[in-house]
Amino acid sequence: MVDLSELQKEVYDNKVKHGFNTTNIAEEFCLALTELAEAYKALSLTDKNELAEELADVIIYLLGIAEMQGVQIEPALVAKIEKNRRRRYYRREDGSWAKTEDNEPI
């Protein structure tokens, strides 16, 4: 398995090495959104490698933001996945899904 803590550090070190932004978090979020838009655009292409590369760009920006903010993303990601696994959902009258409160019966 990949060590996300190490990847965070690698992403940040690469930013420093190339003189990229390491202080303006708002700019990083905007750039991450741009990459997410590029990934969405890549959905219409037949080349899945392009989609994979754009999704990787999104993840790189998110790892960089986490490192810039001193957030260890790996334990947070694992905990959130587990929380989502246990979460209960119900279908609203309009057909959309909504989560219940953790202790709320369906």
N, C-alpha and C. Protein backbone atom coordinates (compact mmCIF):
# COMPACT_ATOMS: atom_id res chain seq x y z
N MET A 1 0.84 -1.18 0.00
CA MET A 1 0.00 0.00 0.00
C MET A 1 0.89 1.24 0.00
N VAL A 2 0.38 2.31 -0.54
CA VAL A 2 1.10 3.58 -0.63
C VAL A 2 1.04 4.30 0.72
N ASP A 3 2.12 4.94 1.10
CA ASP A 3 2.19 5.74 2.32
C ASP A 3 1.85 7.19 1.94
N LEU A 4 0.63 7.61 2.27
CA LEU A 4 0.20 8.96 1.89
C LEU A 4 0.99 10.04 2.60
N SER A 5 1.48 9.77 3.79
CA SER A 5 2.32 10.74 4.49
C SER A 5 3.59 11.04 3.70
N GLU A 6 4.19 9.99 3.16
CA GLU A 6 5.38 10.17 2.34
C GLU A 6 5.05 10.90 1.05
N LEU A 7 3.92 10.56 0.45
CA LEU A 7 3.52 11.24 -0.79
C LEU A 7 3.27 12.73 -0.53
N GLN A 8 2.65 13.06 0.60
CA GLN A 8 2.45 14.46 0.95
C GLN A 8 3.77 15.21 0.96
N LYS A 9 4.76 14.61 1.61
CA LYS A 9 6.08 15.24 1.71
C LYS A 9 6.72 15.37 0.33
N GLU A 10 6.60 14.33 -0.49
CA GLU A 10 7.17 14.37 -1.84
C GLU A 10 6.53 15.47 -2.67
N VAL A 11 5.20 15.59 -2.58
CA VAL A 11 4.50 16.64 -3.33
C VAL A 11 4.99 18.01 -2.89
N TYR A 12 5.07 18.20 -1.58
CA TYR A 12 5.52 19.50 -1.05
C TYR A 12 6.98 19.78 -1.46
N ASP A 13 7.84 18.79 -1.32
CA ASP A 13 9.25 18.96 -1.69
C ASP A 13 9.39 19.32 -3.16
N ASN A 14 8.56 18.73 -4.01
CA ASN A 14 8.60 19.04 -5.43
C ASN A 14 8.16 20.49 -5.68
N LYS A 15 7.16 20.95 -4.93
CA LYS A 15 6.72 22.35 -5.04
C LYS A 15 7.87 23.29 -4.69
N VAL A 16 8.56 22.98 -3.60
CA VAL A 16 9.69 23.82 -3.17
C VAL A 16 10.80 23.79 -4.21
N LYS A 17 11.13 22.59 -4.68
CA LYS A 17 12.21 22.41 -5.66
C LYS A 17 11.98 23.25 -6.92
N HIS A 18 10.72 23.32 -7.36
CA HIS A 18 10.41 24.03 -8.61
C HIS A 18 9.95 25.46 -8.38
N GLY A 19 9.94 25.91 -7.13
CA GLY A 19 9.55 27.29 -6.85
C GLY A 19 8.05 27.55 -6.95
N PHE A 20 7.25 26.49 -6.80
CA PHE A 20 5.80 26.66 -6.86
C PHE A 20 5.27 27.21 -5.53
N ASN A 21 4.04 27.62 -5.55
CA ASN A 21 3.38 28.17 -4.38
C ASN A 21 3.39 27.18 -3.21
N THR A 22 3.77 27.67 -2.05
CA THR A 22 3.71 26.85 -0.83
C THR A 22 3.06 27.60 0.32
N THR A 23 2.45 28.74 0.03
CA THR A 23 1.88 29.55 1.11
C THR A 23 0.43 29.98 0.86
N ASN A 24 0.03 30.13 -0.37
CA ASN A 24 -1.30 30.65 -0.67
C ASN A 24 -2.28 29.49 -0.85
N ILE A 25 -2.98 29.17 0.23
CA ILE A 25 -3.90 28.03 0.23
C ILE A 25 -5.08 28.27 -0.72
N ALA A 26 -5.59 29.49 -0.75
CA ALA A 26 -6.72 29.81 -1.64
C ALA A 26 -6.35 29.52 -3.09
N GLU A 27 -5.14 29.90 -3.48
CA GLU A 27 -4.67 29.63 -4.84
C GLU A 27 -4.61 28.12 -5.10
N GLU A 28 -4.14 27.36 -4.13
CA GLU A 28 -4.06 25.91 -4.29
C GLU A 28 -5.44 25.29 -4.47
N PHE A 29 -6.41 25.77 -3.71
CA PHE A 29 -7.78 25.26 -3.88
C PHE A 29 -8.31 25.59 -5.27
N CYS A 30 -8.05 26.80 -5.75
CA CYS A 30 -8.49 27.17 -7.10
C CYS A 30 -7.84 26.30 -8.16
N LEU A 31 -6.55 26.04 -7.99
CA LEU A 31 -5.85 25.17 -8.95
C LEU A 31 -6.37 23.74 -8.87
N ALA A 32 -6.69 23.26 -7.67
CA ALA A 32 -7.26 21.92 -7.52
C ALA A 32 -8.60 21.84 -8.23
N LEU A 33 -9.40 22.90 -8.09
CA LEU A 33 -10.70 22.93 -8.79
C LEU A 33 -10.52 22.93 -10.30
N THR A 34 -9.51 23.62 -10.77
CA THR A 34 -9.22 23.62 -12.22
C THR A 34 -8.87 22.21 -12.69
N GLU A 35 -8.07 21.52 -11.90
CA GLU A 35 -7.72 20.14 -12.26
C GLU A 35 -8.94 19.23 -12.21
N LEU A 36 -9.82 19.45 -11.26
CA LEU A 36 -11.05 18.66 -11.18
C LEU A 36 -11.92 18.90 -12.41
N ALA A 37 -11.98 20.15 -12.87
CA ALA A 37 -12.72 20.46 -14.10
C ALA A 37 -12.09 19.76 -15.30
N GLU A 38 -10.77 19.72 -15.34
CA GLU A 38 -10.09 19.01 -16.43
C GLU A 38 -10.39 17.51 -16.37
N ALA A 39 -10.49 16.96 -15.18
CA ALA A 39 -10.84 15.54 -15.04
C ALA A 39 -12.26 15.30 -15.55
N TYR A 40 -13.16 16.21 -15.21
CA TYR A 40 -14.54 16.09 -15.69
C TYR A 40 -14.59 16.13 -17.22
N LYS A 41 -13.83 17.03 -17.80
CA LYS A 41 -13.77 17.13 -19.26
C LYS A 41 -13.20 15.84 -19.86
N ALA A 42 -12.24 15.23 -19.18
CA ALA A 42 -11.62 14.00 -19.69
C ALA A 42 -12.59 12.83 -19.69
N LEU A 43 -13.69 12.94 -18.97
CA LEU A 43 -14.70 11.86 -19.00
C LEU A 43 -15.23 11.60 -20.39
N SER A 44 -15.29 12.64 -21.22
CA SER A 44 -15.85 12.49 -22.56
C SER A 44 -14.84 11.89 -23.54
N LEU A 45 -13.62 11.70 -23.12
CA LEU A 45 -12.59 11.15 -24.00
C LEU A 45 -12.57 9.63 -23.89
N THR A 46 -12.09 9.00 -24.95
CA THR A 46 -12.01 7.54 -24.91
C THR A 46 -10.75 7.06 -24.21
N ASP A 47 -9.77 7.94 -24.05
CA ASP A 47 -8.50 7.58 -23.41
C ASP A 47 -8.62 7.69 -21.90
N LYS A 48 -8.77 6.55 -21.24
CA LYS A 48 -8.90 6.53 -19.78
C LYS A 48 -7.61 6.97 -19.09
N ASN A 49 -6.48 6.88 -19.78
CA ASN A 49 -5.23 7.34 -19.20
C ASN A 49 -5.27 8.85 -18.94
N GLU A 50 -5.94 9.58 -19.82
CA GLU A 50 -6.07 11.04 -19.63
C GLU A 50 -6.89 11.33 -18.38
N LEU A 51 -7.99 10.60 -18.19
CA LEU A 51 -8.79 10.77 -16.98
C LEU A 51 -7.97 10.44 -15.75
N ALA A 52 -7.24 9.34 -15.79
CA ALA A 52 -6.40 8.95 -14.65
C ALA A 52 -5.37 10.02 -14.33
N GLU A 53 -4.76 10.59 -15.35
CA GLU A 53 -3.76 11.63 -15.12
C GLU A 53 -4.38 12.88 -14.50
N GLU A 54 -5.56 13.27 -14.96
CA GLU A 54 -6.22 14.44 -14.40
C GLU A 54 -6.65 14.19 -12.96
N LEU A 55 -7.15 13.00 -12.67
CA LEU A 55 -7.51 12.67 -11.29
C LEU A 55 -6.26 12.67 -10.40
N ALA A 56 -5.15 12.20 -10.95
CA ALA A 56 -3.90 12.23 -10.20
C ALA A 56 -3.50 13.67 -9.88
N ASP A 57 -3.70 14.57 -10.84
CA ASP A 57 -3.40 15.98 -10.59
C ASP A 57 -4.23 16.53 -9.43
N VAL A 58 -5.51 16.16 -9.38
CA VAL A 58 -6.38 16.60 -8.29
C VAL A 58 -5.82 16.10 -6.96
N ILE A 59 -5.47 14.83 -6.92
CA ILE A 59 -4.95 14.24 -5.68
C ILE A 59 -3.64 14.90 -5.28
N ILE A 60 -2.79 15.20 -6.24
CA ILE A 60 -1.52 15.87 -5.95
C ILE A 60 -1.78 17.22 -5.28
N TYR A 61 -2.71 17.99 -5.82
CA TYR A 61 -3.01 19.28 -5.20
C TYR A 61 -3.56 19.09 -3.78
N LEU A 62 -4.42 18.12 -3.59
CA LEU A 62 -4.98 17.89 -2.25
C LEU A 62 -3.91 17.44 -1.27
N LEU A 63 -3.01 16.59 -1.71
CA LEU A 63 -1.90 16.18 -0.84
C LEU A 63 -1.01 17.37 -0.50
N GLY A 64 -0.78 18.23 -1.48
CA GLY A 64 0.02 19.42 -1.24
C GLY A 64 -0.63 20.35 -0.23
N ILE A 65 -1.93 20.56 -0.36
CA ILE A 65 -2.66 21.40 0.58
C ILE A 65 -2.57 20.80 1.98
N ALA A 66 -2.76 19.50 2.07
CA ALA A 66 -2.68 18.84 3.38
C ALA A 66 -1.30 19.07 4.01
N GLU A 67 -0.25 18.90 3.23
CA GLU A 67 1.11 19.09 3.76
C GLU A 67 1.35 20.55 4.13
N MET A 68 0.87 21.47 3.30
CA MET A 68 1.04 22.90 3.59
C MET A 68 0.35 23.29 4.90
N GLN A 69 -0.73 22.60 5.22
CA GLN A 69 -1.50 22.91 6.42
C GLN A 69 -1.13 22.04 7.62
N GLY A 70 -0.21 21.10 7.41
CA GLY A 70 0.19 20.23 8.51
C GLY A 70 -0.86 19.21 8.88
N VAL A 71 -1.66 18.80 7.91
CA VAL A 71 -2.72 17.82 8.12
C VAL A 71 -2.23 16.46 7.63
N GLN A 72 -2.31 15.46 8.49
CA GLN A 72 -1.98 14.10 8.07
C GLN A 72 -3.23 13.49 7.45
N ILE A 73 -3.24 13.41 6.14
CA ILE A 73 -4.46 13.03 5.42
C ILE A 73 -4.76 11.54 5.51
N GLU A 74 -3.74 10.70 5.62
CA GLU A 74 -3.97 9.25 5.61
C GLU A 74 -4.89 8.79 6.75
N PRO A 75 -4.62 9.13 8.01
CA PRO A 75 -5.54 8.69 9.06
C PRO A 75 -6.93 9.31 8.91
N ALA A 76 -6.99 10.53 8.44
CA ALA A 76 -8.29 11.17 8.23
C ALA A 76 -9.07 10.46 7.12
N LEU A 77 -8.39 10.07 6.06
CA LEU A 77 -9.03 9.36 4.95
C LEU A 77 -9.53 8.00 5.39
N VAL A 78 -8.71 7.26 6.10
CA VAL A 78 -9.10 5.94 6.59
C VAL A 78 -10.31 6.05 7.51
N ALA A 79 -10.28 7.04 8.42
CA ALA A 79 -11.40 7.23 9.36
C ALA A 79 -12.68 7.62 8.62
N LYS A 80 -12.56 8.46 7.61
CA LYS A 80 -13.74 8.90 6.86
C LYS A 80 -14.34 7.75 6.05
N ILE A 81 -13.48 6.93 5.46
CA ILE A 81 -13.98 5.77 4.71
C ILE A 81 -14.75 4.84 5.64
N GLU A 82 -14.23 4.61 6.82
CA GLU A 82 -14.90 3.77 7.81
C GLU A 82 -16.22 4.41 8.25
N LYS A 83 -16.21 5.70 8.49
CA LYS A 83 -17.43 6.40 8.88
C LYS A 83 -18.50 6.27 7.78
N ASN A 84 -18.10 6.45 6.53
CA ASN A 84 -19.05 6.31 5.41
C ASN A 84 -19.57 4.89 5.29
N ARG A 85 -18.71 3.91 5.59
CA ARG A 85 -19.13 2.51 5.50
C ARG A 85 -20.26 2.23 6.51
N ARG A 86 -20.16 2.82 7.68
CA ARG A 86 -21.16 2.59 8.72
C ARG A 86 -22.41 3.47 8.58
N ARG A 87 -22.29 4.53 7.81
CA ARG A 87 -23.37 5.50 7.69
C ARG A 87 -24.60 4.88 7.03
N ARG A 88 -25.76 5.31 7.46
CA ARG A 88 -27.01 4.84 6.87
C ARG A 88 -27.63 5.95 6.03
N TYR A 89 -28.27 5.55 4.96
CA TYR A 89 -28.90 6.50 4.04
C TYR A 89 -30.35 6.13 3.82
N TYR A 90 -31.11 7.09 3.39
CA TYR A 90 -32.49 6.82 2.99
C TYR A 90 -32.78 7.61 1.72
N ARG A 91 -33.78 7.16 0.99
CA ARG A 91 -34.15 7.84 -0.25
C ARG A 91 -35.27 8.84 0.06
N ARG A 92 -35.06 10.06 -0.35
CA ARG A 92 -36.07 11.11 -0.19
C ARG A 92 -37.19 10.91 -1.20
N GLU A 93 -38.27 11.64 -1.00
CA GLU A 93 -39.41 11.54 -1.92
C GLU A 93 -39.02 11.93 -3.35
N ASP A 94 -38.05 12.84 -3.48
CA ASP A 94 -37.63 13.26 -4.83
C ASP A 94 -36.66 12.28 -5.49
N GLY A 95 -36.35 11.19 -4.79
CA GLY A 95 -35.48 10.16 -5.35
C GLY A 95 -34.01 10.32 -4.98
N SER A 96 -33.64 11.45 -4.40
CA SER A 96 -32.24 11.64 -4.01
C SER A 96 -31.96 10.93 -2.69
N TRP A 97 -30.67 10.71 -2.43
CA TRP A 97 -30.26 10.04 -1.20
C TRP A 97 -29.86 11.07 -0.16
N ALA A 98 -30.14 10.76 1.10
CA ALA A 98 -29.72 11.60 2.22
C ALA A 98 -29.23 10.70 3.33
N LYS A 99 -28.25 11.20 4.08
CA LYS A 99 -27.74 10.40 5.19
C LYS A 99 -28.59 10.67 6.43
N THR A 100 -28.71 9.65 7.25
CA THR A 100 -29.38 9.82 8.52
C THR A 100 -28.34 10.28 9.53
N GLU A 101 -28.78 10.80 10.63
CA GLU A 101 -27.83 11.09 11.72
C GLU A 101 -27.33 9.74 12.22
N ASP A 102 -26.13 9.71 12.76
CA ASP A 102 -25.51 8.44 13.17
C ASP A 102 -26.40 7.60 14.06
N ASN A 103 -27.17 8.22 14.94
CA ASN A 103 -28.00 7.43 15.86
C ASN A 103 -29.49 7.48 15.49
N GLU A 104 -29.79 8.06 14.36
CA GLU A 104 -31.18 8.19 13.93
C GLU A 104 -31.64 6.93 13.20
N PRO A 105 -32.75 6.33 13.60
CA PRO A 105 -33.24 5.15 12.87
C PRO A 105 -33.76 5.56 11.49
N ILE A 106 -33.71 4.63 10.59
CA ILE A 106 -34.19 4.89 9.22
C ILE A 106 -35.70 4.91 9.20
